[in-house]
Every structure is written in structure tokens, then in C-alpha cells.
Amino acid sequence: MMGIPLQGMCNTFCDNDSVVNNVTDPTSTLTKKHNALAYHKVRESVAAGTQRIAHEFGRFNLSDVLTKNLPVYKHKACCASILH
């Protein structure tokens, strides 16, 4: 996947239900062209069995510390989870 050899499935977690539904359900329609182009490769890898998409609740999403301006308490909690 992406030029890196994998042994087994690649797990991808996201906190957006719409993304999970659009990628995992082949009958879902994508109305915007740029979304359809972006989802095409992911749908293909899910169908091939090389990637698994799963929902992760926002409160457990550790990548938020790198992508969002969080309140201090949540920032410290995310950093503590990553470092320990």
C-alpha cells in the first residue's frame, strides 16, 4: 500500500461516519466529483481486502492533538495517551 509492502490488512480509523459509510458501502453514491476521485482508490483497496476502514469515536482520536486546536485538558490527555 502506497509503495510499502504490508503483511495483512492495513487498518484505517476515522471519526466521520459518512466517510466510513461511503468507503465501505459500494452502493453509496458520491455526488461531488473530487470526492468520487478520492474515494475510488480507497474503495478499491477495501474491496481487494488490503485495507479496513473503521469508525473511531472523536474522544478517542489521538490525531486530534496534531490537527485541531484543543482545550488544554484534552490536549494533555491526548499527549499522555500517546507517550504512555
N, C-alpha and C. Protein backbone atom coordinates (compact mmCIF):
# COMPACT_ATOMS: atom_id res chain seq x y z
N MET A 1 0.84 -1.17 0.00
CA MET A 1 0.00 0.00 0.00
C MET A 1 0.88 1.24 0.00
N MET A 2 0.66 2.13 -0.93
CA MET A 2 1.43 3.36 -1.07
C MET A 2 2.93 3.09 -1.16
N GLY A 3 3.30 1.99 -1.81
CA GLY A 3 4.69 1.66 -2.00
C GLY A 3 5.35 0.93 -0.86
N ILE A 4 4.61 0.66 0.21
CA ILE A 4 5.16 -0.03 1.37
C ILE A 4 4.55 -1.43 1.42
N PRO A 5 5.38 -2.47 1.40
CA PRO A 5 4.82 -3.81 1.46
C PRO A 5 4.18 -4.10 2.83
N LEU A 6 2.99 -4.66 2.81
CA LEU A 6 2.26 -4.96 4.04
C LEU A 6 2.04 -6.45 4.17
N GLN A 7 1.97 -6.89 5.40
CA GLN A 7 1.61 -8.27 5.66
C GLN A 7 0.25 -8.25 6.33
N GLY A 8 -0.79 -8.56 5.60
CA GLY A 8 -2.14 -8.49 6.13
C GLY A 8 -2.81 -7.18 5.78
N MET A 9 -3.91 -6.91 6.46
CA MET A 9 -4.70 -5.71 6.17
C MET A 9 -4.12 -4.48 6.85
N CYS A 10 -4.33 -3.34 6.23
CA CYS A 10 -3.97 -2.05 6.81
C CYS A 10 -5.22 -1.49 7.47
N ASN A 11 -5.15 -1.16 8.75
CA ASN A 11 -6.29 -0.60 9.47
C ASN A 11 -6.27 0.91 9.38
N THR A 12 -7.40 1.49 8.99
CA THR A 12 -7.53 2.93 8.92
C THR A 12 -8.73 3.33 9.78
N PHE A 13 -8.51 4.22 10.72
CA PHE A 13 -9.56 4.66 11.63
C PHE A 13 -9.90 6.12 11.34
N CYS A 14 -11.18 6.43 11.32
CA CYS A 14 -11.61 7.82 11.15
C CYS A 14 -12.82 8.09 12.03
N ASP A 15 -13.02 9.36 12.37
CA ASP A 15 -14.10 9.71 13.28
C ASP A 15 -15.31 10.31 12.56
N ASN A 16 -15.42 10.06 11.26
CA ASN A 16 -16.52 10.58 10.47
C ASN A 16 -17.33 9.41 9.92
N ASP A 17 -18.58 9.27 10.38
CA ASP A 17 -19.44 8.16 9.94
C ASP A 17 -19.70 8.18 8.44
N SER A 18 -19.83 9.38 7.86
CA SER A 18 -20.11 9.48 6.42
C SER A 18 -18.96 8.91 5.61
N VAL A 19 -17.75 9.17 6.03
CA VAL A 19 -16.59 8.65 5.32
C VAL A 19 -16.58 7.13 5.39
N VAL A 20 -16.82 6.58 6.57
CA VAL A 20 -16.83 5.12 6.73
C VAL A 20 -17.91 4.50 5.84
N ASN A 21 -19.11 5.09 5.82
CA ASN A 21 -20.20 4.56 5.00
C ASN A 21 -19.90 4.66 3.52
N ASN A 22 -19.37 5.80 3.07
CA ASN A 22 -19.09 5.98 1.64
C ASN A 22 -17.99 5.06 1.14
N VAL A 23 -17.05 4.77 2.00
CA VAL A 23 -15.93 3.93 1.57
C VAL A 23 -16.28 2.44 1.62
N THR A 24 -17.01 2.03 2.64
CA THR A 24 -17.26 0.60 2.82
C THR A 24 -18.50 0.11 2.07
N ASP A 25 -19.43 0.99 1.74
CA ASP A 25 -20.65 0.58 1.05
C ASP A 25 -20.54 0.90 -0.45
N PRO A 26 -20.36 -0.10 -1.29
CA PRO A 26 -20.18 0.16 -2.71
C PRO A 26 -21.42 0.75 -3.40
N THR A 27 -22.59 0.65 -2.77
CA THR A 27 -23.79 1.20 -3.40
C THR A 27 -24.01 2.67 -3.08
N SER A 28 -23.23 3.23 -2.16
CA SER A 28 -23.42 4.64 -1.82
C SER A 28 -22.93 5.51 -2.98
N THR A 29 -23.67 6.57 -3.25
CA THR A 29 -23.32 7.45 -4.36
C THR A 29 -22.58 8.66 -3.84
N LEU A 30 -21.57 9.05 -4.58
CA LEU A 30 -20.78 10.22 -4.24
C LEU A 30 -21.17 11.34 -5.19
N THR A 31 -21.68 12.44 -4.66
CA THR A 31 -22.23 13.48 -5.50
C THR A 31 -21.19 14.46 -6.02
N LYS A 32 -20.13 14.67 -5.32
CA LYS A 32 -19.11 15.62 -5.76
C LYS A 32 -17.98 14.88 -6.47
N LYS A 33 -17.52 15.46 -7.58
CA LYS A 33 -16.52 14.77 -8.39
C LYS A 33 -15.21 14.56 -7.63
N HIS A 34 -14.76 15.57 -6.87
CA HIS A 34 -13.48 15.41 -6.16
C HIS A 34 -13.59 14.34 -5.08
N ASN A 35 -14.77 14.19 -4.47
CA ASN A 35 -14.95 13.10 -3.51
C ASN A 35 -14.92 11.75 -4.21
N ALA A 36 -15.55 11.66 -5.35
CA ALA A 36 -15.59 10.39 -6.07
C ALA A 36 -14.19 9.95 -6.47
N LEU A 37 -13.36 10.88 -6.88
CA LEU A 37 -11.98 10.54 -7.26
C LEU A 37 -11.17 10.11 -6.05
N ALA A 38 -11.36 10.77 -4.92
CA ALA A 38 -10.60 10.44 -3.72
C ALA A 38 -11.03 9.09 -3.15
N TYR A 39 -12.31 8.80 -3.16
CA TYR A 39 -12.81 7.56 -2.58
C TYR A 39 -12.58 6.34 -3.47
N HIS A 40 -12.36 6.57 -4.74
CA HIS A 40 -12.22 5.45 -5.68
C HIS A 40 -11.09 4.52 -5.28
N LYS A 41 -9.91 5.05 -4.99
CA LYS A 41 -8.76 4.22 -4.63
C LYS A 41 -8.99 3.50 -3.31
N VAL A 42 -9.61 4.18 -2.35
CA VAL A 42 -9.84 3.56 -1.05
C VAL A 42 -10.86 2.44 -1.18
N ARG A 43 -11.94 2.68 -1.94
CA ARG A 43 -12.94 1.63 -2.16
C ARG A 43 -12.32 0.42 -2.83
N GLU A 44 -11.41 0.69 -3.76
CA GLU A 44 -10.73 -0.39 -4.47
C GLU A 44 -9.90 -1.24 -3.50
N SER A 45 -9.17 -0.59 -2.60
CA SER A 45 -8.34 -1.35 -1.65
C SER A 45 -9.19 -2.08 -0.61
N VAL A 46 -10.34 -1.51 -0.24
CA VAL A 46 -11.25 -2.21 0.68
C VAL A 46 -11.81 -3.45 0.01
N ALA A 47 -12.20 -3.31 -1.26
CA ALA A 47 -12.75 -4.45 -1.99
C ALA A 47 -11.69 -5.54 -2.19
N ALA A 48 -10.44 -5.14 -2.36
CA ALA A 48 -9.36 -6.11 -2.56
C ALA A 48 -8.94 -6.78 -1.26
N GLY A 49 -9.39 -6.23 -0.14
CA GLY A 49 -9.05 -6.82 1.15
C GLY A 49 -7.70 -6.38 1.70
N THR A 50 -7.14 -5.31 1.16
CA THR A 50 -5.85 -4.83 1.67
C THR A 50 -5.99 -3.73 2.71
N GLN A 51 -7.19 -3.19 2.85
CA GLN A 51 -7.42 -2.10 3.79
C GLN A 51 -8.76 -2.29 4.48
N ARG A 52 -8.80 -1.94 5.76
CA ARG A 52 -10.04 -2.00 6.52
C ARG A 52 -10.29 -0.62 7.11
N ILE A 53 -11.49 -0.10 6.91
CA ILE A 53 -11.87 1.21 7.42
C ILE A 53 -12.78 0.99 8.62
N ALA A 54 -12.51 1.67 9.71
CA ALA A 54 -13.31 1.51 10.92
C ALA A 54 -13.57 2.88 11.54
N HIS A 55 -14.70 2.98 12.24
CA HIS A 55 -15.07 4.22 12.92
C HIS A 55 -14.41 4.28 14.29
N GLU A 56 -13.87 5.44 14.60
CA GLU A 56 -13.30 5.68 15.92
C GLU A 56 -13.96 6.93 16.48
N PHE A 57 -14.47 6.84 17.69
CA PHE A 57 -15.14 7.99 18.28
C PHE A 57 -14.16 9.14 18.47
N GLY A 58 -14.64 10.35 18.31
CA GLY A 58 -13.80 11.54 18.39
C GLY A 58 -13.05 11.66 19.70
N ARG A 59 -13.64 11.21 20.78
CA ARG A 59 -12.96 11.37 22.07
C ARG A 59 -11.76 10.45 22.22
N PHE A 60 -11.65 9.43 21.35
CA PHE A 60 -10.51 8.52 21.39
C PHE A 60 -9.51 8.77 20.26
N ASN A 61 -9.78 9.75 19.42
CA ASN A 61 -8.95 10.01 18.25
C ASN A 61 -7.71 10.80 18.65
N LEU A 62 -6.57 10.11 18.72
CA LEU A 62 -5.33 10.74 19.17
C LEU A 62 -4.74 11.70 18.15
N SER A 63 -5.14 11.59 16.90
CA SER A 63 -4.60 12.51 15.88
C SER A 63 -5.15 13.92 16.05
N ASP A 64 -6.19 14.10 16.85
CA ASP A 64 -6.74 15.44 17.08
C ASP A 64 -5.70 16.38 17.66
N VAL A 65 -4.78 15.85 18.44
CA VAL A 65 -3.76 16.71 19.06
C VAL A 65 -2.86 17.34 17.98
N LEU A 66 -2.75 16.70 16.82
CA LEU A 66 -1.91 17.22 15.75
C LEU A 66 -2.69 18.06 14.74
N THR A 67 -4.01 17.96 14.74
CA THR A 67 -4.79 18.61 13.68
C THR A 67 -5.78 19.65 14.17
N LYS A 68 -6.02 19.73 15.47
CA LYS A 68 -7.04 20.66 15.98
C LYS A 68 -6.51 21.47 17.15
N ASN A 69 -7.11 22.62 17.34
CA ASN A 69 -6.80 23.46 18.49
C ASN A 69 -7.69 22.97 19.65
N LEU A 70 -7.11 22.19 20.55
CA LEU A 70 -7.87 21.56 21.62
C LEU A 70 -7.76 22.36 22.91
N PRO A 71 -8.76 22.21 23.79
CA PRO A 71 -8.62 22.78 25.12
C PRO A 71 -7.44 22.12 25.85
N VAL A 72 -6.90 22.80 26.82
CA VAL A 72 -5.68 22.33 27.49
C VAL A 72 -5.87 20.92 28.08
N TYR A 73 -7.00 20.68 28.74
CA TYR A 73 -7.20 19.38 29.39
C TYR A 73 -7.22 18.24 28.37
N LYS A 74 -7.85 18.48 27.21
CA LYS A 74 -7.92 17.43 26.20
C LYS A 74 -6.56 17.25 25.52
N HIS A 75 -5.84 18.34 25.32
CA HIS A 75 -4.51 18.27 24.73
C HIS A 75 -3.58 17.44 25.61
N LYS A 76 -3.61 17.70 26.90
CA LYS A 76 -2.76 16.96 27.84
C LYS A 76 -3.16 15.49 27.89
N ALA A 77 -4.45 15.20 27.84
CA ALA A 77 -4.91 13.82 27.86
C ALA A 77 -4.45 13.07 26.61
N CYS A 78 -4.54 13.70 25.45
CA CYS A 78 -4.10 13.06 24.20
C CYS A 78 -2.59 12.83 24.23
N CYS A 79 -1.84 13.83 24.68
CA CYS A 79 -0.38 13.67 24.74
C CYS A 79 0.01 12.57 25.71
N ALA A 80 -0.68 12.49 26.85
CA ALA A 80 -0.38 11.45 27.82
C ALA A 80 -0.68 10.07 27.25
N SER A 81 -1.74 9.94 26.46
CA SER A 81 -2.08 8.65 25.85
C SER A 81 -1.03 8.25 24.80
N ILE A 82 -0.51 9.22 24.08
CA ILE A 82 0.48 8.92 23.05
C ILE A 82 1.82 8.52 23.69
N LEU A 83 2.20 9.22 24.74
CA LEU A 83 3.52 9.00 25.35
C LEU A 83 3.57 7.81 26.30
N HIS A 84 2.43 7.34 26.74
CA HIS A 84 2.45 6.21 27.68
C HIS A 84 1.88 4.97 27.06
